[in-house]
Amino acid sequence: LQSMEQVRRVMRPTDVPDQGLLCDLLWADPDKDVLGWGENDRGVSFTFGADVVAKFLHKHDMDLICRAHQ
């Protein structure tokens, strides 16, 4: 995700693909034991560490990300 404009441009409604931005936005999992990005044991998308969250928040001038389906 390079810009929030990419999220705004997602066509809705839509089917979720098996890979790509929309898939990752929905299915990537936080992992407190991961630094950076990792493989997801569920076989879809990735895992990400707190460092990835901090970098994203800083880049997009945000304070918080809420994960709704956790």
Foldseek 3Di string as FASTA:
>chain_A
DQDCVVVVPDDPPDDQDQDDDSQQVQDEAEDQPDDAWADDPVRGHIYGYPVVVVVVCVSHVHDDDDDDPD
